[in-house]
N, C-alpha and C. Protein backbone atom coordinates (compact mmCIF):
# COMPACT_ATOMS: atom_id res chain seq x y z
N MET A 1 20.84 -8.78 329.42
CA MET A 1 20.77 -6.82 329.51
C MET A 1 20.03 -7.07 330.59
N SER A 2 20.52 -6.28 331.24
CA SER A 2 19.50 -5.71 332.85
C SER A 2 18.73 -4.14 332.56
N ASP A 3 17.68 -4.46 333.36
CA ASP A 3 16.64 -3.50 333.05
C ASP A 3 16.68 -2.91 334.55
N PHE A 4 17.83 -2.92 335.37
CA PHE A 4 18.03 -2.41 336.47
C PHE A 4 19.10 -1.03 336.22
N ASN A 5 18.20 -0.42 337.01
CA ASN A 5 18.97 1.47 336.60
C ASN A 5 19.07 1.64 338.08
N PRO A 6 20.15 1.73 338.43
CA PRO A 6 21.12 2.30 339.61
C PRO A 6 21.20 3.87 339.82
N GLU A 7 20.63 3.87 338.68
CA GLU A 7 20.80 5.77 338.97
C GLU A 7 19.63 6.63 339.49
N GLY A 8 21.03 7.40 340.93
CA GLY A 8 19.84 8.14 342.20
C GLY A 8 20.04 7.15 342.98
N LEU A 9 20.72 6.45 343.06
CA LEU A 9 20.37 5.17 344.16
C LEU A 9 21.80 5.93 345.44
N GLU A 10 21.68 6.15 346.38
CA GLU A 10 22.99 6.49 347.36
C GLU A 10 23.41 5.34 347.86
N ILE A 11 24.07 5.52 347.22
CA ILE A 11 25.53 3.95 347.32
C ILE A 11 26.45 4.82 348.84
N ASN A 12 26.21 3.68 349.67
CA ASN A 12 26.77 3.54 351.31
C ASN A 12 28.36 3.33 350.42
N LYS A 13 28.48 2.11 350.07
CA LYS A 13 29.70 1.64 350.21
C LYS A 13 30.04 0.87 348.38
N THR A 14 31.14 1.12 347.75
CA THR A 14 30.98 -0.08 346.34
C THR A 14 32.49 -0.89 346.57
N ILE A 15 32.36 -1.81 346.40
CA ILE A 15 33.59 -2.31 346.41
C ILE A 15 34.12 -2.88 345.24
N ASP A 16 34.94 -2.76 344.71
CA ASP A 16 35.92 -3.23 342.92
C ASP A 16 36.66 -4.54 343.17
N ALA A 17 35.86 -5.49 343.00
CA ALA A 17 36.34 -7.12 343.14
C ALA A 17 36.63 -7.40 341.49
N ARG A 18 36.93 -6.14 340.76
CA ARG A 18 36.98 -6.69 339.47
C ARG A 18 37.70 -7.62 338.54
N GLY A 19 38.74 -7.01 339.45
CA GLY A 19 40.00 -8.22 339.36
C GLY A 19 40.54 -9.34 339.98
N SER A 20 39.24 -9.75 340.74
CA SER A 20 38.92 -10.70 341.58
C SER A 20 38.42 -11.69 341.20
N ALA A 21 38.57 -13.11 341.02
CA ALA A 21 37.90 -14.29 340.59
C ALA A 21 36.74 -14.91 341.95
N CYS A 22 35.68 -15.35 341.61
CA CYS A 22 35.38 -16.41 342.45
C CYS A 22 35.96 -17.33 343.55
N PRO A 23 35.76 -17.37 344.67
CA PRO A 23 34.65 -16.59 345.66
C PRO A 23 35.24 -15.20 346.07
N GLY A 24 36.41 -14.66 345.49
CA GLY A 24 36.78 -13.56 345.97
C GLY A 24 35.70 -12.19 346.49
N PRO A 25 34.84 -11.80 344.79
CA PRO A 25 33.53 -10.89 345.27
C PRO A 25 32.78 -11.51 346.28
N LEU A 26 32.56 -12.52 346.37
CA LEU A 26 31.29 -12.36 347.69
C LEU A 26 32.48 -12.12 348.77
N LEU A 27 33.54 -12.85 349.05
CA LEU A 27 34.36 -12.69 350.16
C LEU A 27 34.00 -11.17 350.37
N GLU A 28 34.17 -10.37 349.97
CA GLU A 28 34.53 -9.00 349.90
C GLU A 28 33.30 -8.43 350.71
N ALA A 29 31.97 -8.90 349.31
CA ALA A 29 30.99 -8.37 349.68
C ALA A 29 30.76 -8.67 351.30
N LYS A 30 30.47 -10.09 351.92
CA LYS A 30 30.34 -10.35 353.02
C LYS A 30 31.07 -9.79 354.19
N LYS A 31 32.80 -9.33 353.82
CA LYS A 31 33.21 -8.15 354.71
C LYS A 31 32.59 -6.59 354.68
N GLY A 32 32.62 -6.43 353.23
CA GLY A 32 31.95 -5.30 353.56
C GLY A 32 31.25 -4.64 353.82
N ILE A 33 29.97 -5.24 353.94
CA ILE A 33 28.42 -5.34 354.09
C ILE A 33 28.88 -4.09 355.55
N GLY A 34 29.42 -5.41 356.62
CA GLY A 34 29.40 -4.73 357.73
C GLY A 34 29.41 -2.85 357.94
N ALA A 35 29.87 -2.23 356.73
CA ALA A 35 30.75 -0.74 356.85
C ALA A 35 29.34 0.22 356.19
N VAL A 36 28.27 -0.75 355.87
CA VAL A 36 27.27 -0.10 355.46
C VAL A 36 25.41 0.04 356.42
N PRO A 37 25.49 1.15 356.15
CA PRO A 37 24.23 1.13 357.62
C PRO A 37 22.55 0.44 357.20
N VAL A 38 22.24 -0.14 358.11
CA VAL A 38 20.90 -0.65 357.96
C VAL A 38 20.20 0.17 357.20
N ASN A 39 19.00 -0.61 356.23
CA ASN A 39 18.35 0.05 354.59
C ASN A 39 19.46 0.71 353.96
N GLY A 40 20.93 0.85 353.96
CA GLY A 40 21.99 1.64 353.10
C GLY A 40 22.22 0.45 352.08
N ILE A 41 22.94 0.88 351.32
CA ILE A 41 23.24 -0.33 349.83
C ILE A 41 24.73 0.19 349.90
N LEU A 42 24.86 -1.03 349.32
CA LEU A 42 26.35 -1.77 348.89
C LEU A 42 26.01 -2.15 347.38
N GLU A 43 27.43 -1.37 346.57
CA GLU A 43 27.33 -1.89 345.76
C GLU A 43 28.88 -3.07 345.53
N VAL A 44 28.46 -4.40 344.65
CA VAL A 44 29.82 -4.77 344.38
C VAL A 44 30.21 -4.67 342.45
N MET A 45 31.38 -4.51 342.29
CA MET A 45 31.33 -4.28 340.40
C MET A 45 32.91 -5.66 340.49
N SER A 46 32.12 -6.32 340.10
CA SER A 46 32.90 -7.42 339.40
C SER A 46 32.82 -8.09 337.97
N GLY A 47 33.72 -8.81 337.14
CA GLY A 47 33.91 -9.10 336.04
C GLY A 47 33.41 -10.48 336.13
N ASP A 48 33.76 -11.11 337.28
CA ASP A 48 33.53 -12.70 337.29
C ASP A 48 32.05 -12.89 337.11
N ALA A 49 31.53 -13.94 335.94
CA ALA A 49 30.64 -14.73 335.93
C ALA A 49 29.62 -14.30 336.89
N SER A 50 30.20 -15.52 337.69
CA SER A 50 29.39 -16.35 338.98
C SER A 50 29.08 -15.59 339.94
N THR A 51 29.69 -14.32 340.18
CA THR A 51 29.15 -13.26 340.77
C THR A 51 27.58 -13.02 341.05
N LYS A 52 27.10 -12.61 339.49
CA LYS A 52 25.69 -12.27 340.01
C LYS A 52 24.87 -13.09 339.86
N ARG A 53 25.40 -14.46 340.01
CA ARG A 53 24.38 -15.82 340.86
C ARG A 53 24.42 -15.69 341.73
N ASP A 54 25.91 -15.99 342.24
CA ASP A 54 26.20 -16.08 344.22
C ASP A 54 25.78 -15.05 344.75
N LEU A 55 26.08 -13.44 344.68
CA LEU A 55 25.57 -12.37 345.70
C LEU A 55 24.06 -12.40 346.07
N PRO A 56 23.08 -12.57 344.90
CA PRO A 56 21.87 -12.73 345.16
C PRO A 56 21.53 -13.86 346.02
N LEU A 57 21.49 -14.92 345.70
CA LEU A 57 21.77 -16.04 347.04
C LEU A 57 22.18 -15.99 348.18
N TRP A 58 23.48 -15.31 348.40
CA TRP A 58 24.12 -14.68 349.82
C TRP A 58 23.25 -13.92 350.60
N ALA A 59 22.49 -12.50 349.45
CA ALA A 59 22.00 -11.79 350.17
C ALA A 59 20.44 -12.39 351.03
N LYS A 60 20.21 -13.18 349.99
CA LYS A 60 18.30 -14.11 350.32
C LYS A 60 19.05 -14.38 351.65
N LYS A 61 20.08 -15.23 352.10
CA LYS A 61 20.52 -16.93 352.37
C LYS A 61 20.75 -15.50 353.96
N VAL A 62 21.31 -14.55 353.62
CA VAL A 62 21.52 -14.08 355.22
C VAL A 62 20.55 -13.03 355.77
N GLY A 63 19.49 -12.88 354.86
CA GLY A 63 17.89 -11.53 354.87
C GLY A 63 18.64 -10.37 354.65
N HIS A 64 19.76 -9.88 353.64
CA HIS A 64 19.70 -8.57 352.57
C HIS A 64 18.69 -8.82 351.57
N GLU A 65 18.68 -7.72 350.96
CA GLU A 65 18.08 -7.57 349.69
C GLU A 65 18.64 -6.96 348.51
N TYR A 66 18.44 -8.15 347.47
CA TYR A 66 19.41 -8.34 346.53
C TYR A 66 17.94 -6.88 345.83
N MET A 67 18.58 -6.36 344.60
CA MET A 67 18.08 -5.39 344.76
C MET A 67 18.32 -5.04 343.10
N GLY A 68 19.58 -6.17 342.56
CA GLY A 68 19.49 -5.69 341.08
C GLY A 68 21.24 -5.46 340.53
N THR A 69 21.14 -5.89 339.15
CA THR A 69 22.32 -5.89 338.69
C THR A 69 22.38 -5.53 337.52
N ALA A 70 23.18 -4.30 337.36
CA ALA A 70 23.40 -3.36 336.19
C ALA A 70 24.72 -3.11 334.89
N GLU A 71 24.84 -3.71 334.22
CA GLU A 71 26.20 -4.00 333.37
C GLU A 71 27.20 -2.84 333.00
N GLY A 72 28.11 -2.84 333.60
CA GLY A 72 29.02 -2.06 332.98
C GLY A 72 29.82 -2.52 331.87
N GLU A 73 30.99 -1.76 331.59
CA GLU A 73 31.70 -2.43 330.02
C GLU A 73 32.69 -3.38 330.95
N ASN A 74 32.20 -4.76 330.63
CA ASN A 74 32.98 -5.71 330.61
C ASN A 74 32.89 -6.10 332.55
N TYR A 75 31.67 -5.52 333.20
CA TYR A 75 31.49 -5.99 334.26
C TYR A 75 30.28 -5.96 334.74
N ASP A 76 29.84 -6.59 336.23
CA ASP A 76 28.39 -5.99 336.67
C ASP A 76 28.65 -5.50 337.67
N ARG A 77 27.56 -4.50 338.20
CA ARG A 77 27.30 -3.96 339.03
C ARG A 77 26.70 -4.21 339.64
N ILE A 78 26.76 -5.14 341.15
CA ILE A 78 25.39 -5.60 341.77
C ILE A 78 25.06 -4.68 342.68
N PHE A 79 23.87 -5.04 343.40
CA PHE A 79 23.76 -3.94 344.58
C PHE A 79 22.25 -4.82 345.44
N ILE A 80 23.23 -4.38 346.99
CA ILE A 80 22.62 -5.25 348.27
C ILE A 80 22.05 -4.28 349.20
N ARG A 81 21.19 -4.52 349.18
CA ARG A 81 20.52 -3.28 350.57
C ARG A 81 20.65 -4.06 351.69
N ARG A 82 21.19 -3.88 352.58
CA ARG A 82 21.26 -4.25 353.91
C ARG A 82 20.34 -4.40 355.05
N LYS A 83 19.84 -5.28 355.35
CA LYS A 83 18.20 -5.22 356.21
C LYS A 83 18.40 -5.65 357.68
N LYS A 84 19.94 -5.91 357.95
CA LYS A 84 19.96 -6.02 359.51
C LYS A 84 21.17 -5.76 359.93
C-alpha cells in the first residue's frame, strides 16, 4: 500500500496506459514528458506491475523527479516531476 497522496497536485499531463504491457507505459511516459513544462507533473496510469519499478528508475536516469505512486483500483498512478 502506498502512502503517497496526489490530492491537490496540479497534473500537467495524464497518460492512461492501463491497457498496455511493459514496455508500453515507459515508452508512453518518454513521449509524454515533452508536453509537460519544466517543474510540471506527469501522471502515468498503468496496470502493469513492472511499471512502478521502471518509471522511477527511468526518471532518475534522465534527471526527473519520481514523486510517488498511488494505488488505484487494479492499477497504479505514478507521478513524475519534469526537471529539465
